[in-house]
Amino acid sequence: NQLSITTKIDREHPKLKEYAKSNGWWDGEKE
């Protein structure tokens, strides 16, 4: 009942990081 995948990501949604960046959740620089 919670997210537990941190930095070891072997497959991902093709726009996972782009979406996070567009919402201001991730700066695109840190891991």
PDB file of all heavy atoms in Angstrom:
ATOM      1  N   ASN A   1       0.795  -1.232   0.000  1.00  0.00           N
ATOM      2  CA  ASN A   1       0.000   0.000   0.000  1.00  0.00           C
ATOM      3  C   ASN A   1       0.827   1.281   0.000  1.00  0.00           C
ATOM      4  O   ASN A   1       0.401   2.275   0.556  1.00  0.00           O
ATOM      5  CB  ASN A   1      -0.971   0.017   1.191  1.00  0.00           C
ATOM      6  CG  ASN A   1      -1.885  -1.178   1.173  1.00  0.00           C
ATOM      7  OD1 ASN A   1      -1.572  -2.180   1.790  1.00  0.00           O
ATOM      8  ND2 ASN A   1      -2.977  -1.093   0.451  1.00  0.00           N
ATOM      9  N   GLN A   2       1.984   1.255  -0.588  1.00  0.00           N
ATOM     10  CA  GLN A   2       2.775   2.466  -0.748  1.00  0.00           C
ATOM     11  C   GLN A   2       3.805   2.196  -1.834  1.00  0.00           C
ATOM     12  O   GLN A   2       4.107   1.045  -2.134  1.00  0.00           O
ATOM     13  CB  GLN A   2       3.477   2.858   0.546  1.00  0.00           C
ATOM     14  CG  GLN A   2       4.530   1.866   0.987  1.00  0.00           C
ATOM     15  CD  GLN A   2       5.091   2.204   2.347  1.00  0.00           C
ATOM     16  OE1 GLN A   2       4.342   2.387   3.304  1.00  0.00           O
ATOM     17  NE2 GLN A   2       6.393   2.288   2.445  1.00  0.00           N
ATOM     18  N   LEU A   3       4.308   3.238  -2.430  1.00  0.00           N
ATOM     19  CA  LEU A   3       5.344   3.061  -3.438  1.00  0.00           C
ATOM     20  C   LEU A   3       6.661   2.720  -2.756  1.00  0.00           C
ATOM     21  O   LEU A   3       7.006   3.302  -1.736  1.00  0.00           O
ATOM     22  CB  LEU A   3       5.492   4.340  -4.266  1.00  0.00           C
ATOM     23  CG  LEU A   3       4.234   4.775  -5.028  1.00  0.00           C
ATOM     24  CD1 LEU A   3       4.486   6.068  -5.783  1.00  0.00           C
ATOM     25  CD2 LEU A   3       3.746   3.685  -5.976  1.00  0.00           C
ATOM     26  N   SER A   4       7.381   1.761  -3.335  1.00  0.00           N
ATOM     27  CA  SER A   4       8.646   1.345  -2.729  1.00  0.00           C
ATOM     28  C   SER A   4       9.791   1.263  -3.735  1.00  0.00           C
ATOM     29  O   SER A   4      10.922   1.034  -3.346  1.00  0.00           O
ATOM     30  CB  SER A   4       8.473  -0.005  -2.027  1.00  0.00           C
ATOM     31  OG  SER A   4       8.120  -1.007  -2.959  1.00  0.00           O
ATOM     32  N   ILE A   5       9.497   1.453  -5.007  1.00  0.00           N
ATOM     33  CA  ILE A   5      10.567   1.486  -6.004  1.00  0.00           C
ATOM     34  C   ILE A   5      11.214   2.862  -5.919  1.00  0.00           C
ATOM     35  O   ILE A   5      10.545   3.884  -6.064  1.00  0.00           O
ATOM     36  CB  ILE A   5      10.037   1.223  -7.421  1.00  0.00           C
ATOM     37  CG1 ILE A   5       9.491  -0.202  -7.521  1.00  0.00           C
ATOM     38  CG2 ILE A   5      11.125   1.462  -8.466  1.00  0.00           C
ATOM     39  CD1 ILE A   5       8.807  -0.525  -8.842  1.00  0.00           C
ATOM     40  N   THR A   6      12.513   2.880  -5.687  1.00  0.00           N
ATOM     41  CA  THR A   6      13.212   4.157  -5.536  1.00  0.00           C
ATOM     42  C   THR A   6      14.006   4.455  -6.810  1.00  0.00           C
ATOM     43  O   THR A   6      13.443   4.895  -7.793  1.00  0.00           O
ATOM     44  CB  THR A   6      14.079   4.162  -4.265  1.00  0.00           C
ATOM     45  OG1 THR A   6      15.003   3.070  -4.321  1.00  0.00           O
ATOM     46  CG2 THR A   6      13.228   4.033  -3.006  1.00  0.00           C
ATOM     47  N   THR A   7      15.297   4.199  -6.804  1.00  0.00           N
ATOM     48  CA  THR A   7      16.137   4.565  -7.951  1.00  0.00           C
ATOM     49  C   THR A   7      16.460   3.390  -8.870  1.00  0.00           C
ATOM     50  O   THR A   7      16.951   3.591  -9.967  1.00  0.00           O
ATOM     51  CB  THR A   7      17.460   5.204  -7.463  1.00  0.00           C
ATOM     52  OG1 THR A   7      18.132   4.273  -6.622  1.00  0.00           O
ATOM     53  CG2 THR A   7      17.186   6.487  -6.700  1.00  0.00           C
ATOM     54  N   LYS A   8      16.211   2.152  -8.421  1.00  0.00           N
ATOM     55  CA  LYS A   8      16.441   0.988  -9.285  1.00  0.00           C
ATOM     56  C   LYS A   8      15.179   0.750 -10.111  1.00  0.00           C
ATOM     57  O   LYS A   8      14.250   0.076  -9.687  1.00  0.00           O
ATOM     58  CB  LYS A   8      16.795  -0.254  -8.465  1.00  0.00           C
ATOM     59  CG  LYS A   8      17.139  -1.454  -9.348  1.00  0.00           C
ATOM     60  CD  LYS A   8      17.338  -2.715  -8.530  1.00  0.00           C
ATOM     61  CE  LYS A   8      17.682  -3.917  -9.366  1.00  0.00           C
ATOM     62  NZ  LYS A   8      16.757  -4.234 -10.437  1.00  0.00           N
ATOM     63  N   ILE A   9      15.164   1.348 -11.289  1.00  0.00           N
ATOM     64  CA  ILE A   9      14.011   1.232 -12.191  1.00  0.00           C
ATOM     65  C   ILE A   9      14.499   0.539 -13.451  1.00  0.00           C
ATOM     66  O   ILE A   9      15.375   1.039 -14.150  1.00  0.00           O
ATOM     67  CB  ILE A   9      13.431   2.623 -12.520  1.00  0.00           C
ATOM     68  CG1 ILE A   9      12.981   3.316 -11.227  1.00  0.00           C
ATOM     69  CG2 ILE A   9      12.281   2.492 -13.517  1.00  0.00           C
ATOM     70  CD1 ILE A   9      12.575   4.761 -11.414  1.00  0.00           C
ATOM     71  N   ASP A  10      13.929  -0.627 -13.736  1.00  0.00           N
ATOM     72  CA  ASP A  10      14.357  -1.400 -14.894  1.00  0.00           C
ATOM     73  C   ASP A  10      13.467  -1.182 -16.115  1.00  0.00           C
ATOM     74  O   ASP A  10      13.919  -1.372 -17.241  1.00  0.00           O
ATOM     75  CB  ASP A  10      14.410  -2.886 -14.523  1.00  0.00           C
ATOM     76  CG  ASP A  10      15.450  -3.147 -13.441  1.00  0.00           C
ATOM     77  OD1 ASP A  10      16.636  -2.849 -13.688  1.00  0.00           O
ATOM     78  OD2 ASP A  10      15.077  -3.605 -12.344  1.00  0.00           O
ATOM     79  N   ARG A  11      12.228  -0.833 -15.891  1.00  0.00           N
ATOM     80  CA  ARG A  11      11.312  -0.444 -16.970  1.00  0.00           C
ATOM     81  C   ARG A  11      10.438   0.677 -16.418  1.00  0.00           C
ATOM     82  O   ARG A  11      10.168   0.716 -15.224  1.00  0.00           O
ATOM     83  CB  ARG A  11      10.447  -1.623 -17.419  1.00  0.00           C
ATOM     84  CG  ARG A  11      11.229  -2.657 -18.210  1.00  0.00           C
ATOM     85  CD  ARG A  11      10.359  -3.779 -18.760  1.00  0.00           C
ATOM     86  NE  ARG A  11       9.266  -3.283 -19.563  1.00  0.00           N
ATOM     87  CZ  ARG A  11       8.256  -4.050 -20.024  1.00  0.00           C
ATOM     88  NH1 ARG A  11       8.236  -5.338 -19.755  1.00  0.00           N
ATOM     89  NH2 ARG A  11       7.281  -3.551 -20.730  1.00  0.00           N
ATOM     90  N   GLU A  12       9.990   1.568 -17.295  1.00  0.00           N
ATOM     91  CA  GLU A  12       9.171   2.693 -16.837  1.00  0.00           C
ATOM     92  C   GLU A  12       8.277   3.205 -17.951  1.00  0.00           C
ATOM     93  O   GLU A  12       8.531   2.955 -19.129  1.00  0.00           O
ATOM     94  CB  GLU A  12      10.062   3.828 -16.335  1.00  0.00           C
ATOM     95  CG  GLU A  12      10.910   4.453 -17.425  1.00  0.00           C
ATOM     96  CD  GLU A  12      11.935   5.433 -16.893  1.00  0.00           C
ATOM     97  OE1 GLU A  12      12.744   5.025 -16.031  1.00  0.00           O
ATOM     98  OE2 GLU A  12      11.942   6.584 -17.353  1.00  0.00           O
ATOM     99  N   HIS A  13       7.231   3.904 -17.550  1.00  0.00           N
ATOM    100  CA  HIS A  13       6.377   4.589 -18.511  1.00  0.00           C
ATOM    101  C   HIS A  13       7.262   5.539 -19.314  1.00  0.00           C
ATOM    102  O   HIS A  13       8.121   6.214 -18.737  1.00  0.00           O
ATOM    103  CB  HIS A  13       5.291   5.375 -17.755  1.00  0.00           C
ATOM    104  CG  HIS A  13       4.305   6.036 -18.656  1.00  0.00           C
ATOM    105  ND1 HIS A  13       4.583   7.211 -19.321  1.00  0.00           N
ATOM    106  CD2 HIS A  13       3.040   5.687 -18.992  1.00  0.00           C
ATOM    107  CE1 HIS A  13       3.529   7.566 -20.031  1.00  0.00           C
ATOM    108  NE2 HIS A  13       2.577   6.652 -19.853  1.00  0.00           N
ATOM    109  N   PRO A  14       7.084   5.613 -20.637  1.00  0.00           N
ATOM    110  CA  PRO A  14       7.985   6.438 -21.446  1.00  0.00           C
ATOM    111  C   PRO A  14       7.997   7.926 -21.078  1.00  0.00           C
ATOM    112  O   PRO A  14       8.968   8.623 -21.364  1.00  0.00           O
ATOM    113  CB  PRO A  14       7.500   6.229 -22.881  1.00  0.00           C
ATOM    114  CG  PRO A  14       6.224   5.483 -22.787  1.00  0.00           C
ATOM    115  CD  PRO A  14       6.108   4.886 -21.431  1.00  0.00           C
ATOM    116  N   LYS A  15       6.966   8.405 -20.428  1.00  0.00           N
ATOM    117  CA  LYS A  15       6.922   9.823 -20.052  1.00  0.00           C
ATOM    118  C   LYS A  15       6.923  10.024 -18.539  1.00  0.00           C
ATOM    119  O   LYS A  15       6.540  11.076 -18.047  1.00  0.00           O
ATOM    120  CB  LYS A  15       5.692  10.492 -20.675  1.00  0.00           C
ATOM    121  CG  LYS A  15       5.760  10.509 -22.194  1.00  0.00           C
ATOM    122  CD  LYS A  15       4.633  11.295 -22.799  1.00  0.00           C
ATOM    123  CE  LYS A  15       4.804  11.301 -24.313  1.00  0.00           C
ATOM    124  NZ  LYS A  15       3.730  12.025 -24.970  1.00  0.00           N
ATOM    125  N   LEU A  16       7.373   9.011 -17.790  1.00  0.00           N
ATOM    126  CA  LEU A  16       7.372   9.062 -16.331  1.00  0.00           C
ATOM    127  C   LEU A  16       8.131  10.280 -15.805  1.00  0.00           C
ATOM    128  O   LEU A  16       7.615  11.054 -15.002  1.00  0.00           O
ATOM    129  CB  LEU A  16       7.991   7.776 -15.773  1.00  0.00           C
ATOM    130  CG  LEU A  16       8.094   7.672 -14.264  1.00  0.00           C
ATOM    131  CD1 LEU A  16       6.726   7.379 -13.662  1.00  0.00           C
ATOM    132  CD2 LEU A  16       9.073   6.559 -13.884  1.00  0.00           C
ATOM    133  N   LYS A  17       9.343  10.459 -16.261  1.00  0.00           N
ATOM    134  CA  LYS A  17      10.194  11.552 -15.769  1.00  0.00           C
ATOM    135  C   LYS A  17       9.733  12.896 -16.323  1.00  0.00           C
ATOM    136  O   LYS A  17       9.722  13.899 -15.599  1.00  0.00           O
ATOM    137  CB  LYS A  17      11.652  11.275 -16.106  1.00  0.00           C
ATOM    138  CG  LYS A  17      12.198  10.075 -15.354  1.00  0.00           C
ATOM    139  CD  LYS A  17      13.598   9.708 -15.797  1.00  0.00           C
ATOM    140  CE  LYS A  17      14.039   8.432 -15.074  1.00  0.00           C
ATOM    141  NZ  LYS A  17      15.199   7.832 -15.686  1.00  0.00           N
ATOM    142  N   GLU A  18       9.328  12.899 -17.581  1.00  0.00           N
ATOM    143  CA  GLU A  18       8.842  14.141 -18.202  1.00  0.00           C
ATOM    144  C   GLU A  18       7.614  14.680 -17.452  1.00  0.00           C
ATOM    145  O   GLU A  18       7.507  15.875 -17.187  1.00  0.00           O
ATOM    146  CB  GLU A  18       8.500  13.854 -19.667  1.00  0.00           C
ATOM    147  CG  GLU A  18       7.928  15.008 -20.450  1.00  0.00           C
ATOM    148  CD  GLU A  18       7.528  14.566 -21.853  1.00  0.00           C
ATOM    149  OE1 GLU A  18       8.283  13.797 -22.489  1.00  0.00           O
ATOM    150  OE2 GLU A  18       6.439  14.987 -22.291  1.00  0.00           O
ATOM    151  N   TYR A  19       6.696  13.799 -17.094  1.00  0.00           N
ATOM    152  CA  TYR A  19       5.495  14.201 -16.370  1.00  0.00           C
ATOM    153  C   TYR A  19       5.842  14.746 -14.987  1.00  0.00           C
ATOM    154  O   TYR A  19       5.313  15.771 -14.551  1.00  0.00           O
ATOM    155  CB  TYR A  19       4.528  13.019 -16.260  1.00  0.00           C
ATOM    156  CG  TYR A  19       3.214  13.358 -15.605  1.00  0.00           C
ATOM    157  CD1 TYR A  19       2.264  14.137 -16.254  1.00  0.00           C
ATOM    158  CD2 TYR A  19       2.918  12.899 -14.325  1.00  0.00           C
ATOM    159  CE1 TYR A  19       1.058  14.456 -15.652  1.00  0.00           C
ATOM    160  CE2 TYR A  19       1.715  13.201 -13.708  1.00  0.00           C
ATOM    161  CZ  TYR A  19       0.787  13.982 -14.383  1.00  0.00           C
ATOM    162  OH  TYR A  19      -0.407  14.293 -13.773  1.00  0.00           O
ATOM    163  N   ALA A  20       6.766  14.075 -14.306  1.00  0.00           N
ATOM    164  CA  ALA A  20       7.194  14.535 -12.977  1.00  0.00           C
ATOM    165  C   ALA A  20       7.848  15.910 -13.075  1.00  0.00           C
ATOM    166  O   ALA A  20       7.603  16.792 -12.247  1.00  0.00           O
ATOM    167  CB  ALA A  20       8.157  13.525 -12.360  1.00  0.00           C
ATOM    168  N   LYS A  21       8.653  16.099 -14.090  1.00  0.00           N
ATOM    169  CA  LYS A  21       9.344  17.381 -14.267  1.00  0.00           C
ATOM    170  C   LYS A  21       8.339  18.493 -14.584  1.00  0.00           C
ATOM    171  O   LYS A  21       8.424  19.588 -14.028  1.00  0.00           O
ATOM    172  CB  LYS A  21      10.382  17.251 -15.380  1.00  0.00           C
ATOM    173  CG  LYS A  21      11.416  18.335 -15.379  1.00  0.00           C
ATOM    174  CD  LYS A  21      12.525  18.007 -16.362  1.00  0.00           C
ATOM    175  CE  LYS A  21      13.517  19.142 -16.396  1.00  0.00           C
ATOM    176  NZ  LYS A  21      14.564  18.924 -17.379  1.00  0.00           N
ATOM    177  N   SER A  22       7.357  18.201 -15.435  1.00  0.00           N
ATOM    178  CA  SER A  22       6.366  19.213 -15.816  1.00  0.00           C
ATOM    179  C   SER A  22       5.488  19.637 -14.638  1.00  0.00           C
ATOM    180  O   SER A  22       4.926  20.730 -14.645  1.00  0.00           O
ATOM    181  CB  SER A  22       5.494  18.712 -16.970  1.00  0.00           C
ATOM    182  OG  SER A  22       4.613  17.686 -16.533  1.00  0.00           O
ATOM    183  N   ASN A  23       5.364  18.781 -13.632  1.00  0.00           N
ATOM    184  CA  ASN A  23       4.578  19.106 -12.436  1.00  0.00           C
ATOM    185  C   ASN A  23       5.428  19.712 -11.320  1.00  0.00           C
ATOM    186  O   ASN A  23       4.908  19.993 -10.244  1.00  0.00           O
ATOM    187  CB  ASN A  23       3.868  17.856 -11.918  1.00  0.00           C
ATOM    188  CG  ASN A  23       2.620  17.546 -12.702  1.00  0.00           C
ATOM    189  OD1 ASN A  23       1.636  18.278 -12.614  1.00  0.00           O
ATOM    190  ND2 ASN A  23       2.656  16.490 -13.498  1.00  0.00           N
ATOM    191  N   GLY A  24       6.726  19.852 -11.556  1.00  0.00           N
ATOM    192  CA  GLY A  24       7.602  20.425 -10.547  1.00  0.00           C
ATOM    193  C   GLY A  24       7.966  19.464  -9.425  1.00  0.00           C
ATOM    194  O   GLY A  24       8.454  19.889  -8.380  1.00  0.00           O
ATOM    195  N   TRP A  25       7.768  18.165  -9.641  1.00  0.00           N
ATOM    196  CA  TRP A  25       8.070  17.166  -8.614  1.00  0.00           C
ATOM    197  C   TRP A  25       9.535  16.742  -8.642  1.00  0.00           C
ATOM    198  O   TRP A  25      10.040  16.161  -7.686  1.00  0.00           O
ATOM    199  CB  TRP A  25       7.206  15.915  -8.794  1.00  0.00           C
ATOM    200  CG  TRP A  25       5.733  16.161  -8.764  1.00  0.00           C
ATOM    201  CD1 TRP A  25       5.076  17.227  -8.193  1.00  0.00           C
ATOM    202  CD2 TRP A  25       4.737  15.321  -9.328  1.00  0.00           C
ATOM    203  NE1 TRP A  25       3.732  17.090  -8.378  1.00  0.00           N
ATOM    204  CE2 TRP A  25       3.483  15.929  -9.077  1.00  0.00           C
ATOM    205  CE3 TRP A  25       4.760  14.129 -10.030  1.00  0.00           C
ATOM    206  CZ2 TRP A  25       2.285  15.374  -9.494  1.00  0.00           C
ATOM    207  CZ3 TRP A  25       3.568  13.566 -10.456  1.00  0.00           C
ATOM    208  CH2 TRP A  25       2.342  14.190 -10.173  1.00  0.00           C
ATOM    209  N   TRP A  26      10.186  16.949  -9.796  1.00  0.00           N
ATOM    210  CA  TRP A  26      11.570  16.525  -9.995  1.00  0.00           C
ATOM    211  C   TRP A  26      12.267  17.580 -10.827  1.00  0.00           C
ATOM    212  O   TRP A  26      11.702  18.067 -11.824  1.00  0.00           O
ATOM    213  CB  TRP A  26      11.574  15.169 -10.679  1.00  0.00           C
ATOM    214  CG  TRP A  26      12.911  14.592 -10.996  1.00  0.00           C
ATOM    215  CD1 TRP A  26      13.914  14.300 -10.126  1.00  0.00           C
ATOM    216  CD2 TRP A  26      13.397  14.222 -12.289  1.00  0.00           C
ATOM    217  NE1 TRP A  26      14.996  13.765 -10.798  1.00  0.00           N
ATOM    218  CE2 TRP A  26      14.697  13.700 -12.124  1.00  0.00           C
ATOM    219  CE3 TRP A  26      12.858  14.263 -13.574  1.00  0.00           C
ATOM    220  CZ2 TRP A  26      15.464  13.230 -13.194  1.00  0.00           C
ATOM    221  CZ3 TRP A  26      13.611  13.798 -14.633  1.00  0.00           C
ATOM    222  CH2 TRP A  26      14.914  13.290 -14.435  1.00  0.00           C
ATOM    223  N   ASP A  27      13.476  17.935 -10.440  1.00  0.00           N
ATOM    224  CA  ASP A  27      14.190  19.015 -11.135  1.00  0.00           C
ATOM    225  C   ASP A  27      14.926  18.556 -12.381  1.00  0.00           C
ATOM    226  O   ASP A  27      15.457  19.378 -13.139  1.00  0.00           O
ATOM    227  CB  ASP A  27      15.157  19.730 -10.185  1.00  0.00           C
ATOM    228  CG  ASP A  27      16.275  18.828  -9.668  1.00  0.00           C
ATOM    229  OD1 ASP A  27      16.450  17.702 -10.182  1.00  0.00           O
ATOM    230  OD2 ASP A  27      16.970  19.265  -8.731  1.00  0.00           O
ATOM    231  N   GLY A  28      14.968  17.261 -12.655  1.00  0.00           N
ATOM    232  CA  GLY A  28      15.648  16.758 -13.836  1.00  0.00           C
ATOM    233  C   GLY A  28      17.144  16.612 -13.658  1.00  0.00           C
ATOM    234  O   GLY A  28      17.833  16.148 -14.562  1.00  0.00           O
ATOM    235  N   GLU A  29      17.652  17.006 -12.510  1.00  0.00           N
ATOM    236  CA  GLU A  29      19.098  16.946 -12.284  1.00  0.00           C
ATOM    237  C   GLU A  29      19.488  15.887 -11.258  1.00  0.00           C
ATOM    238  O   GLU A  29      20.383  15.092 -11.496  1.00  0.00           O
ATOM    239  CB  GLU A  29      19.620  18.315 -11.863  1.00  0.00           C
ATOM    240  CG  GLU A  29      19.486  19.340 -12.980  1.00  0.00           C
ATOM    241  CD  GLU A  29      20.037  20.699 -12.603  1.00  0.00           C
ATOM    242  OE1 GLU A  29      20.849  20.788 -11.672  1.00  0.00           O
ATOM    243  OE2 GLU A  29      19.615  21.673 -13.252  1.00  0.00           O
ATOM    244  N   LYS A  30      18.815  15.874 -10.113  1.00  0.00           N
ATOM    245  CA  LYS A  30      19.176  14.868  -9.116  1.00  0.00           C
ATOM    246  C   LYS A  30      18.675  13.502  -9.586  1.00  0.00           C
ATOM    247  O   LYS A  30      17.810  13.407 -10.463  1.00  0.00           O
ATOM    248  CB  LYS A  30      18.635  15.218  -7.732  1.00  0.00           C
ATOM    249  CG  LYS A  30      17.131  15.202  -7.609  1.00  0.00           C
ATOM    250  CD  LYS A  30      16.710  15.575  -6.201  1.00  0.00           C
ATOM    251  CE  LYS A  30      15.196  15.611  -6.127  1.00  0.00           C
ATOM    252  NZ  LYS A  30      14.710  16.050  -4.840  1.00  0.00           N
ATOM    253  N   GLU A  31      19.246  12.437  -8.986  1.00  0.00           N
ATOM    254  CA  GLU A  31      18.858  11.089  -9.382  1.00  0.00           C
ATOM    255  C   GLU A  31      17.352  10.914  -9.202  1.00  0.00           C
ATOM    256  O   GLU A  31      16.774  11.314  -8.196  1.00  0.00           O
ATOM    257  CB  GLU A  31      19.622  10.063  -8.531  1.00  0.00           C
ATOM    258  CG  GLU A  31      19.372   8.643  -8.944  1.00  0.00           C
ATOM    259  CD  GLU A  31      20.217   7.634  -8.179  1.00  0.00           C
ATOM    260  OE1 GLU A  31      20.580   7.915  -7.014  1.00  0.00           O
ATOM    261  OE2 GLU A  31      20.498   6.572  -8.731  1.00  0.00           O
TER     262      GLU A  31
END
